[in-house]
Amino acid sequence: MEYTGSQYIGEYVDGRMEGNAEYILPTETRYVGKMKDGMFHGQGTLYFPSGSRYDAVWENGLAIKGTYTFSDGLQYDGKNWHYCDSYDRRFYTEICHGLKPTGISQLTNVDPPRIIPEGCYDCGDGFYNPTTRVVRDYKNRFLRNADDDEHQWIIRTCRKGWDEFVGRRPKL
């Protein structure tokens, strides 16, 4: 653990992590649940620094069945997912608290929206800098390097930290 920066609090059997445990990753994501032979095994929950969580049944380190809950309480359901889709474009906070008056747009599920640093994109779990190709969380801690697919998706999809004229310019 000293090499990975992780921390383990729990039981050992024959020198291996086993039983009830808490495993803290260097990203501050915490696993609380059962371990077997050094792997997540049985009922356990991943708690993410953003406040979201993943409750799952694990088998030899792999999630077999689980539920993801966002920090605002919205639960992901892969079969009946109707949040912000073509049928209902409202954000979860708008579903819970109603729409804003005409003319006032809600740009994200966070209201008011986060201020994006110049030249960066808000990719949902942090800010992406296309120059360094690094995603940092909202507290400016390193999350990951973006591969080519993620880079292209962020550039195409995510909110920018600058205004950009789109459409026809009027003739002067």
N, C-alpha and C. Protein backbone atom coordinates (compact mmCIF):
# COMPACT_ATOMS: atom_id res chain seq x y z
N MET A 1 0.81 -1.19 0.00
CA MET A 1 0.00 0.00 0.00
C MET A 1 0.86 1.26 0.00
N GLU A 2 2.04 1.15 0.58
CA GLU A 2 2.91 2.32 0.61
C GLU A 2 3.31 2.73 -0.80
N TYR A 3 3.31 1.81 -1.75
CA TYR A 3 3.70 2.14 -3.12
C TYR A 3 2.55 2.74 -3.91
N THR A 4 1.33 2.35 -3.62
CA THR A 4 0.17 2.84 -4.37
C THR A 4 -0.46 4.07 -3.75
N GLY A 5 -0.16 4.35 -2.49
CA GLY A 5 -0.78 5.47 -1.80
C GLY A 5 -2.15 5.13 -1.25
N SER A 6 -2.51 3.86 -1.26
CA SER A 6 -3.79 3.41 -0.73
C SER A 6 -3.67 3.12 0.76
N GLN A 7 -4.83 3.01 1.42
CA GLN A 7 -4.85 2.70 2.84
C GLN A 7 -5.89 1.62 3.08
N TYR A 8 -5.57 0.62 3.88
CA TYR A 8 -6.49 -0.47 4.19
C TYR A 8 -6.74 -0.50 5.68
N ILE A 9 -8.03 -0.54 6.04
CA ILE A 9 -8.43 -0.67 7.44
C ILE A 9 -9.36 -1.87 7.49
N GLY A 10 -8.88 -2.96 8.08
CA GLY A 10 -9.73 -4.13 8.11
C GLY A 10 -9.00 -5.37 8.55
N GLU A 11 -9.63 -6.50 8.30
CA GLU A 11 -9.15 -7.78 8.75
C GLU A 11 -8.24 -8.43 7.71
N TYR A 12 -7.36 -9.31 8.20
CA TYR A 12 -6.47 -10.09 7.33
C TYR A 12 -6.66 -11.56 7.64
N VAL A 13 -6.58 -12.40 6.61
CA VAL A 13 -6.57 -13.84 6.77
C VAL A 13 -5.38 -14.36 5.95
N ASP A 14 -4.47 -15.02 6.62
CA ASP A 14 -3.25 -15.53 5.97
C ASP A 14 -2.51 -14.41 5.22
N GLY A 15 -2.48 -13.22 5.83
CA GLY A 15 -1.74 -12.10 5.24
C GLY A 15 -2.44 -11.41 4.09
N ARG A 16 -3.67 -11.80 3.77
CA ARG A 16 -4.42 -11.18 2.67
C ARG A 16 -5.62 -10.42 3.24
N MET A 17 -6.00 -9.32 2.56
CA MET A 17 -7.15 -8.53 2.98
C MET A 17 -8.40 -9.39 2.83
N GLU A 18 -9.11 -9.57 3.96
CA GLU A 18 -10.30 -10.42 3.92
C GLU A 18 -11.22 -10.06 5.07
N GLY A 19 -12.54 -10.06 4.79
CA GLY A 19 -13.53 -9.74 5.81
C GLY A 19 -14.07 -8.33 5.63
N ASN A 20 -14.61 -7.76 6.71
CA ASN A 20 -15.12 -6.40 6.66
C ASN A 20 -13.96 -5.43 6.58
N ALA A 21 -14.09 -4.42 5.70
CA ALA A 21 -12.94 -3.55 5.47
C ALA A 21 -13.33 -2.18 4.95
N GLU A 22 -12.35 -1.29 5.02
CA GLU A 22 -12.41 0.01 4.34
C GLU A 22 -11.10 0.14 3.58
N TYR A 23 -11.21 0.42 2.28
CA TYR A 23 -10.03 0.57 1.43
C TYR A 23 -10.10 1.96 0.82
N ILE A 24 -9.08 2.79 1.10
CA ILE A 24 -9.08 4.17 0.63
C ILE A 24 -8.03 4.30 -0.48
N LEU A 25 -8.50 4.69 -1.66
CA LEU A 25 -7.62 4.86 -2.81
C LEU A 25 -6.94 6.23 -2.76
N PRO A 26 -5.86 6.42 -3.50
CA PRO A 26 -5.16 7.71 -3.49
C PRO A 26 -6.03 8.86 -4.00
N THR A 27 -7.08 8.56 -4.75
CA THR A 27 -7.99 9.60 -5.26
C THR A 27 -9.02 10.01 -4.22
N GLU A 28 -8.94 9.42 -3.00
CA GLU A 28 -9.88 9.64 -1.90
C GLU A 28 -11.21 8.93 -2.10
N THR A 29 -11.30 8.09 -3.13
CA THR A 29 -12.46 7.20 -3.26
C THR A 29 -12.29 6.12 -2.21
N ARG A 30 -13.40 5.81 -1.50
CA ARG A 30 -13.35 4.81 -0.43
C ARG A 30 -14.26 3.65 -0.77
N TYR A 31 -13.77 2.45 -0.52
CA TYR A 31 -14.59 1.25 -0.61
C TYR A 31 -14.86 0.80 0.82
N VAL A 32 -16.13 0.55 1.15
CA VAL A 32 -16.50 0.03 2.45
C VAL A 32 -17.36 -1.20 2.20
N GLY A 33 -16.88 -2.35 2.67
CA GLY A 33 -17.62 -3.58 2.46
C GLY A 33 -16.77 -4.80 2.69
N LYS A 34 -17.15 -5.87 2.05
CA LYS A 34 -16.48 -7.16 2.22
C LYS A 34 -15.30 -7.30 1.25
N MET A 35 -14.25 -7.96 1.74
CA MET A 35 -13.07 -8.29 0.93
C MET A 35 -12.86 -9.80 1.03
N LYS A 36 -12.31 -10.39 -0.04
CA LYS A 36 -11.94 -11.80 -0.01
C LYS A 36 -10.71 -11.97 -0.90
N ASP A 37 -9.69 -12.57 -0.33
CA ASP A 37 -8.46 -12.84 -1.08
C ASP A 37 -7.88 -11.57 -1.70
N GLY A 38 -8.00 -10.43 -0.98
CA GLY A 38 -7.43 -9.17 -1.43
C GLY A 38 -8.26 -8.41 -2.44
N MET A 39 -9.51 -8.85 -2.69
CA MET A 39 -10.37 -8.20 -3.68
C MET A 39 -11.73 -7.86 -3.08
N PHE A 40 -12.42 -6.88 -3.70
CA PHE A 40 -13.79 -6.58 -3.31
C PHE A 40 -14.60 -7.85 -3.59
N HIS A 41 -15.37 -8.28 -2.59
CA HIS A 41 -16.14 -9.52 -2.77
C HIS A 41 -17.31 -9.51 -1.79
N GLY A 42 -18.52 -9.55 -2.32
CA GLY A 42 -19.71 -9.46 -1.48
C GLY A 42 -20.31 -8.07 -1.58
N GLN A 43 -21.10 -7.70 -0.59
CA GLN A 43 -21.75 -6.39 -0.58
C GLN A 43 -20.73 -5.31 -0.23
N GLY A 44 -20.70 -4.23 -1.03
CA GLY A 44 -19.78 -3.14 -0.73
C GLY A 44 -20.16 -1.87 -1.47
N THR A 45 -19.66 -0.74 -0.98
CA THR A 45 -19.99 0.56 -1.55
C THR A 45 -18.72 1.35 -1.82
N LEU A 46 -18.68 1.96 -3.03
CA LEU A 46 -17.63 2.92 -3.36
C LEU A 46 -18.19 4.31 -3.10
N TYR A 47 -17.49 5.09 -2.29
CA TYR A 47 -17.87 6.48 -2.01
C TYR A 47 -16.88 7.38 -2.74
N PHE A 48 -17.38 8.23 -3.63
CA PHE A 48 -16.53 9.10 -4.43
C PHE A 48 -16.40 10.47 -3.79
N PRO A 49 -15.28 11.17 -4.00
CA PRO A 49 -15.08 12.50 -3.41
C PRO A 49 -16.16 13.50 -3.80
N SER A 50 -16.80 13.29 -4.94
CA SER A 50 -17.85 14.21 -5.40
C SER A 50 -19.12 14.10 -4.57
N GLY A 51 -19.22 13.05 -3.73
CA GLY A 51 -20.43 12.83 -2.94
C GLY A 51 -21.31 11.75 -3.53
N SER A 52 -20.98 11.24 -4.71
CA SER A 52 -21.75 10.16 -5.30
C SER A 52 -21.28 8.83 -4.72
N ARG A 53 -22.02 7.77 -5.02
CA ARG A 53 -21.68 6.46 -4.47
C ARG A 53 -22.14 5.36 -5.41
N TYR A 54 -21.51 4.20 -5.27
CA TYR A 54 -21.87 3.02 -6.06
C TYR A 54 -22.02 1.85 -5.10
N ASP A 55 -23.27 1.43 -4.88
CA ASP A 55 -23.57 0.28 -4.02
C ASP A 55 -23.66 -0.94 -4.93
N ALA A 56 -22.89 -1.99 -4.60
CA ALA A 56 -22.85 -3.13 -5.51
C ALA A 56 -22.61 -4.44 -4.78
N VAL A 57 -22.86 -5.50 -5.52
CA VAL A 57 -22.44 -6.84 -5.13
C VAL A 57 -21.23 -7.14 -5.99
N TRP A 58 -20.13 -7.51 -5.33
CA TRP A 58 -18.85 -7.72 -6.00
C TRP A 58 -18.50 -9.20 -5.98
N GLU A 59 -17.83 -9.64 -7.04
CA GLU A 59 -17.35 -11.02 -7.10
C GLU A 59 -15.93 -11.01 -7.66
N ASN A 60 -14.98 -11.37 -6.80
CA ASN A 60 -13.56 -11.40 -7.19
C ASN A 60 -13.10 -10.08 -7.82
N GLY A 61 -13.51 -8.97 -7.22
CA GLY A 61 -13.07 -7.65 -7.66
C GLY A 61 -13.92 -7.00 -8.73
N LEU A 62 -14.89 -7.71 -9.27
CA LEU A 62 -15.75 -7.16 -10.32
C LEU A 62 -17.16 -6.91 -9.79
N ALA A 63 -17.76 -5.79 -10.18
CA ALA A 63 -19.14 -5.50 -9.78
C ALA A 63 -20.08 -6.36 -10.63
N ILE A 64 -20.92 -7.11 -9.96
CA ILE A 64 -21.88 -8.00 -10.64
C ILE A 64 -23.21 -7.28 -10.84
N LYS A 65 -23.63 -6.54 -9.81
CA LYS A 65 -24.90 -5.82 -9.85
C LYS A 65 -24.76 -4.63 -8.93
N GLY A 66 -25.21 -3.44 -9.40
CA GLY A 66 -25.06 -2.28 -8.54
C GLY A 66 -25.94 -1.11 -8.94
N THR A 67 -25.95 -0.11 -8.07
CA THR A 67 -26.72 1.11 -8.28
C THR A 67 -25.82 2.31 -8.04
N TYR A 68 -25.77 3.23 -9.01
CA TYR A 68 -24.99 4.45 -8.88
C TYR A 68 -25.93 5.56 -8.45
N THR A 69 -25.56 6.29 -7.39
CA THR A 69 -26.35 7.41 -6.89
C THR A 69 -25.50 8.67 -6.94
N PHE A 70 -25.98 9.67 -7.68
CA PHE A 70 -25.27 10.94 -7.77
C PHE A 70 -25.35 11.68 -6.44
N SER A 71 -24.50 12.68 -6.26
CA SER A 71 -24.44 13.41 -4.99
C SER A 71 -25.75 14.12 -4.66
N ASP A 72 -26.56 14.44 -5.68
CA ASP A 72 -27.84 15.11 -5.43
C ASP A 72 -28.98 14.14 -5.16
N GLY A 73 -28.69 12.83 -5.13
CA GLY A 73 -29.71 11.84 -4.82
C GLY A 73 -30.28 11.12 -6.03
N LEU A 74 -30.02 11.59 -7.24
CA LEU A 74 -30.51 10.95 -8.45
C LEU A 74 -29.83 9.59 -8.60
N GLN A 75 -30.64 8.54 -8.80
CA GLN A 75 -30.09 7.20 -8.99
C GLN A 75 -30.11 6.83 -10.46
N TYR A 76 -29.00 6.24 -10.92
CA TYR A 76 -28.91 5.79 -12.30
C TYR A 76 -29.60 4.44 -12.43
N ASP A 77 -30.47 4.34 -13.41
CA ASP A 77 -31.15 3.09 -13.73
C ASP A 77 -30.98 2.87 -15.23
N GLY A 78 -30.13 1.92 -15.60
CA GLY A 78 -29.81 1.68 -17.00
C GLY A 78 -31.01 1.29 -17.85
N LYS A 79 -32.00 0.64 -17.27
CA LYS A 79 -33.15 0.18 -18.04
C LYS A 79 -34.21 1.28 -18.19
N ASN A 80 -34.41 2.08 -17.18
CA ASN A 80 -35.45 3.11 -17.21
C ASN A 80 -34.87 4.50 -17.02
N TRP A 81 -33.79 4.81 -17.71
CA TRP A 81 -33.11 6.09 -17.55
C TRP A 81 -33.80 7.13 -18.41
N HIS A 82 -34.46 8.10 -17.78
CA HIS A 82 -35.16 9.15 -18.52
C HIS A 82 -34.69 10.54 -18.12
N TYR A 83 -33.53 10.61 -17.50
CA TYR A 83 -33.01 11.90 -17.07
C TYR A 83 -32.32 12.60 -18.23
N CYS A 84 -32.75 13.78 -18.56
CA CYS A 84 -32.13 14.63 -19.57
C CYS A 84 -31.97 13.88 -20.90
N ASP A 85 -33.00 13.15 -21.30
CA ASP A 85 -32.96 12.43 -22.58
C ASP A 85 -33.88 13.14 -23.57
N SER A 86 -34.12 12.52 -24.70
CA SER A 86 -34.93 13.18 -25.73
C SER A 86 -36.38 13.38 -25.30
N TYR A 87 -36.85 12.62 -24.31
CA TYR A 87 -38.23 12.77 -23.85
C TYR A 87 -38.38 13.88 -22.81
N ASP A 88 -37.39 14.06 -21.99
CA ASP A 88 -37.46 15.05 -20.91
C ASP A 88 -36.09 15.69 -20.75
N ARG A 89 -35.93 16.92 -21.20
CA ARG A 89 -34.63 17.58 -21.21
C ARG A 89 -34.33 18.35 -19.92
N ARG A 90 -35.19 18.22 -18.90
CA ARG A 90 -34.94 18.94 -17.65
C ARG A 90 -33.79 18.31 -16.88
N PHE A 91 -33.08 19.16 -16.14
CA PHE A 91 -32.07 18.67 -15.20
C PHE A 91 -32.79 18.13 -13.97
N TYR A 92 -32.09 17.29 -13.21
CA TYR A 92 -32.69 16.68 -12.02
C TYR A 92 -33.16 17.75 -11.03
N THR A 93 -32.37 18.80 -10.84
CA THR A 93 -32.80 19.87 -9.92
C THR A 93 -34.06 20.56 -10.42
N GLU A 94 -34.26 20.63 -11.75
CA GLU A 94 -35.49 21.20 -12.29
C GLU A 94 -36.67 20.25 -12.08
N ILE A 95 -36.42 18.96 -12.15
CA ILE A 95 -37.48 17.98 -11.90
C ILE A 95 -37.92 18.09 -10.43
N CYS A 96 -36.95 18.24 -9.52
CA CYS A 96 -37.26 18.32 -8.08
C CYS A 96 -37.85 19.66 -7.68
N HIS A 97 -37.34 20.76 -8.25
CA HIS A 97 -37.70 22.10 -7.77
C HIS A 97 -38.45 22.95 -8.79
N GLY A 98 -38.74 22.40 -9.96
CA GLY A 98 -39.48 23.14 -10.97
C GLY A 98 -38.57 23.94 -11.90
N LEU A 99 -39.16 24.38 -13.00
CA LEU A 99 -38.43 25.15 -14.00
C LEU A 99 -38.29 26.60 -13.57
N LYS A 100 -37.27 27.26 -14.08
CA LYS A 100 -37.07 28.68 -13.82
C LYS A 100 -38.01 29.49 -14.72
N PRO A 101 -38.24 30.75 -14.39
CA PRO A 101 -39.10 31.58 -15.24
C PRO A 101 -38.53 31.72 -16.66
N THR A 102 -39.40 32.04 -17.61
CA THR A 102 -38.99 32.22 -18.99
C THR A 102 -37.84 33.21 -19.08
N GLY A 103 -36.86 32.87 -19.91
CA GLY A 103 -35.72 33.76 -20.14
C GLY A 103 -34.53 33.48 -19.24
N ILE A 104 -34.73 32.68 -18.18
CA ILE A 104 -33.62 32.33 -17.29
C ILE A 104 -33.27 30.87 -17.56
N SER A 105 -32.11 30.65 -18.15
CA SER A 105 -31.71 29.29 -18.50
C SER A 105 -30.92 28.64 -17.37
N GLN A 106 -31.13 27.36 -17.19
CA GLN A 106 -30.32 26.59 -16.27
C GLN A 106 -29.38 25.77 -17.15
N LEU A 107 -28.06 26.04 -17.06
CA LEU A 107 -27.09 25.45 -17.96
C LEU A 107 -26.60 24.08 -17.52
N THR A 108 -26.66 23.78 -16.23
CA THR A 108 -26.21 22.49 -15.71
C THR A 108 -27.14 22.08 -14.58
N ASN A 109 -26.91 20.91 -14.02
CA ASN A 109 -27.69 20.47 -12.87
C ASN A 109 -27.29 21.24 -11.62
N VAL A 110 -26.10 21.85 -11.62
CA VAL A 110 -25.64 22.68 -10.51
C VAL A 110 -26.12 24.10 -10.78
N ASP A 111 -26.81 24.70 -9.85
CA ASP A 111 -27.36 26.04 -10.05
C ASP A 111 -27.00 26.93 -8.88
N PRO A 112 -26.24 28.00 -9.06
CA PRO A 112 -25.73 28.49 -10.34
C PRO A 112 -24.61 27.60 -10.85
N PRO A 113 -24.37 27.59 -12.18
CA PRO A 113 -23.34 26.71 -12.73
C PRO A 113 -21.94 27.12 -12.29
N ARG A 114 -21.03 26.15 -12.29
CA ARG A 114 -19.63 26.43 -11.92
C ARG A 114 -19.00 27.37 -12.94
N ILE A 115 -18.09 28.19 -12.48
CA ILE A 115 -17.33 29.05 -13.39
C ILE A 115 -16.17 28.22 -13.92
N ILE A 116 -16.13 28.07 -15.24
CA ILE A 116 -15.11 27.24 -15.89
C ILE A 116 -13.88 28.10 -16.18
N PRO A 117 -12.70 27.61 -15.81
CA PRO A 117 -11.49 28.37 -16.12
C PRO A 117 -11.34 28.61 -17.63
N GLU A 118 -10.79 29.74 -18.01
CA GLU A 118 -10.59 30.10 -19.41
C GLU A 118 -9.83 28.99 -20.13
N GLY A 119 -10.33 28.60 -21.30
CA GLY A 119 -9.66 27.60 -22.12
C GLY A 119 -9.98 26.17 -21.72
N CYS A 120 -10.81 25.96 -20.68
CA CYS A 120 -11.12 24.62 -20.19
C CYS A 120 -12.58 24.26 -20.47
N TYR A 121 -12.93 23.01 -20.21
CA TYR A 121 -14.28 22.48 -20.37
C TYR A 121 -14.73 21.87 -19.05
N ASP A 122 -16.04 21.95 -18.77
CA ASP A 122 -16.62 21.28 -17.61
C ASP A 122 -17.11 19.92 -18.09
N CYS A 123 -16.42 18.84 -17.68
CA CYS A 123 -16.76 17.51 -18.19
C CYS A 123 -17.57 16.68 -17.19
N GLY A 124 -18.15 17.32 -16.19
CA GLY A 124 -19.06 16.62 -15.28
C GLY A 124 -18.45 16.23 -13.96
N ASP A 125 -17.21 15.76 -13.96
CA ASP A 125 -16.55 15.42 -12.70
C ASP A 125 -15.36 16.33 -12.44
N GLY A 126 -15.15 17.29 -13.32
CA GLY A 126 -14.06 18.23 -13.15
C GLY A 126 -13.87 19.07 -14.40
N PHE A 127 -12.76 19.80 -14.45
CA PHE A 127 -12.44 20.66 -15.58
C PHE A 127 -11.36 20.00 -16.43
N TYR A 128 -11.55 20.06 -17.75
CA TYR A 128 -10.60 19.47 -18.69
C TYR A 128 -9.85 20.58 -19.40
N ASN A 129 -8.52 20.47 -19.39
CA ASN A 129 -7.67 21.41 -20.10
C ASN A 129 -7.18 20.71 -21.37
N PRO A 130 -7.65 21.16 -22.57
CA PRO A 130 -7.27 20.46 -23.80
C PRO A 130 -5.79 20.62 -24.14
N THR A 131 -5.12 21.62 -23.60
CA THR A 131 -3.69 21.80 -23.86
C THR A 131 -2.87 20.74 -23.15
N THR A 132 -3.17 20.49 -21.87
CA THR A 132 -2.44 19.48 -21.10
C THR A 132 -3.09 18.11 -21.18
N ARG A 133 -4.36 18.05 -21.66
CA ARG A 133 -5.16 16.82 -21.74
C ARG A 133 -5.34 16.17 -20.38
N VAL A 134 -5.49 17.02 -19.35
CA VAL A 134 -5.65 16.55 -17.98
C VAL A 134 -7.02 16.98 -17.46
N VAL A 135 -7.70 16.08 -16.75
CA VAL A 135 -8.95 16.40 -16.05
C VAL A 135 -8.60 16.55 -14.58
N ARG A 136 -8.99 17.70 -14.00
CA ARG A 136 -8.81 17.96 -12.58
C ARG A 136 -10.18 18.12 -11.95
N ASP A 137 -10.35 17.64 -10.72
CA ASP A 137 -11.66 17.77 -10.07
C ASP A 137 -11.92 19.24 -9.74
N TYR A 138 -13.08 19.50 -9.18
CA TYR A 138 -13.48 20.89 -8.93
C TYR A 138 -12.69 21.54 -7.81
N LYS A 139 -11.85 20.77 -7.12
CA LYS A 139 -10.95 21.33 -6.11
C LYS A 139 -9.52 21.38 -6.66
N ASN A 140 -9.38 21.21 -7.97
CA ASN A 140 -8.11 21.30 -8.71
C ASN A 140 -7.15 20.15 -8.40
N ARG A 141 -7.69 18.99 -8.02
CA ARG A 141 -6.86 17.80 -7.80
C ARG A 141 -6.88 16.95 -9.06
N PHE A 142 -5.75 16.34 -9.40
CA PHE A 142 -5.63 15.51 -10.58
C PHE A 142 -6.61 14.34 -10.52
N LEU A 143 -7.35 14.13 -11.63
CA LEU A 143 -8.23 12.97 -11.75
C LEU A 143 -7.68 11.96 -12.75
N ARG A 144 -7.36 12.44 -13.97
CA ARG A 144 -6.89 11.50 -15.00
C ARG A 144 -6.37 12.26 -16.21
N ASN A 145 -5.63 11.54 -17.03
CA ASN A 145 -5.26 12.02 -18.35
C ASN A 145 -6.32 11.53 -19.33
N ALA A 146 -6.73 12.37 -20.25
CA ALA A 146 -7.77 12.00 -21.21
C ALA A 146 -7.15 11.32 -22.42
N ASP A 147 -7.72 10.18 -22.83
CA ASP A 147 -7.27 9.53 -24.06
C ASP A 147 -7.92 10.24 -25.25
N ASP A 148 -7.62 9.80 -26.45
CA ASP A 148 -8.13 10.48 -27.66
C ASP A 148 -9.65 10.48 -27.73
N ASP A 149 -10.29 9.35 -27.36
CA ASP A 149 -11.75 9.28 -27.43
C ASP A 149 -12.40 10.24 -26.45
N GLU A 150 -11.90 10.27 -25.21
CA GLU A 150 -12.48 11.19 -24.22
C GLU A 150 -12.23 12.63 -24.63
N HIS A 151 -11.03 12.92 -25.13
CA HIS A 151 -10.70 14.28 -25.59
C HIS A 151 -11.72 14.75 -26.63
N GLN A 152 -11.98 13.91 -27.64
CA GLN A 152 -12.92 14.28 -28.70
C GLN A 152 -14.34 14.46 -28.15
N TRP A 153 -14.75 13.57 -27.24
CA TRP A 153 -16.10 13.66 -26.66
C TRP A 153 -16.25 14.96 -25.88
N ILE A 154 -15.26 15.31 -25.07
CA ILE A 154 -15.33 16.54 -24.27
C ILE A 154 -15.40 17.76 -25.18
N ILE A 155 -14.56 17.82 -26.20
CA ILE A 155 -14.53 18.96 -27.11
C ILE A 155 -15.88 19.12 -27.81
N ARG A 156 -16.50 18.00 -28.21
CA ARG A 156 -17.79 18.03 -28.90
C ARG A 156 -18.96 18.34 -27.99
N THR A 157 -18.91 17.90 -26.74
CA THR A 157 -20.11 17.83 -25.91
C THR A 157 -20.16 18.81 -24.75
N CYS A 158 -19.05 19.10 -24.12
CA CYS A 158 -19.08 19.77 -22.81
C CYS A 158 -19.09 21.30 -22.90
N ARG A 159 -19.54 21.92 -21.80
CA ARG A 159 -19.59 23.38 -21.70
C ARG A 159 -18.18 23.96 -21.71
N LYS A 160 -18.02 25.06 -22.45
CA LYS A 160 -16.73 25.73 -22.57
C LYS A 160 -16.60 26.83 -21.52
N GLY A 161 -15.35 27.19 -21.22
CA GLY A 161 -15.08 28.28 -20.29
C GLY A 161 -14.95 29.63 -21.00
N TRP A 162 -15.52 29.77 -22.18
CA TRP A 162 -15.46 31.01 -22.93
C TRP A 162 -16.69 31.10 -23.83
N ASP A 163 -17.01 32.31 -24.24
CA ASP A 163 -18.12 32.53 -25.15
C ASP A 163 -17.62 32.36 -26.58
N GLU A 164 -18.45 31.80 -27.42
CA GLU A 164 -18.09 31.56 -28.80
C GLU A 164 -19.29 31.88 -29.66
N PHE A 165 -19.11 32.69 -30.70
CA PHE A 165 -20.21 33.02 -31.57
C PHE A 165 -20.53 31.85 -32.47
N VAL A 166 -21.79 31.44 -32.50
CA VAL A 166 -22.23 30.35 -33.35
C VAL A 166 -23.38 30.87 -34.21
N GLY A 167 -23.32 30.65 -35.50
CA GLY A 167 -24.40 31.09 -36.39
C GLY A 167 -23.92 32.17 -37.33
N ARG A 168 -24.89 32.83 -37.97
CA ARG A 168 -24.59 33.89 -38.92
C ARG A 168 -24.40 35.20 -38.23
N ARG A 169 -23.38 35.92 -38.64
CA ARG A 169 -23.16 37.27 -38.10
C ARG A 169 -23.97 38.25 -38.94
N PRO A 170 -24.60 39.21 -38.29
CA PRO A 170 -25.36 40.22 -39.05
C PRO A 170 -24.40 41.12 -39.83
N LYS A 171 -24.86 41.55 -41.02
CA LYS A 171 -24.06 42.48 -41.82
C LYS A 171 -24.17 43.87 -41.25
N LEU A 172 -23.05 44.54 -41.21
CA LEU A 172 -23.04 45.91 -40.67
C LEU A 172 -23.22 46.94 -41.74
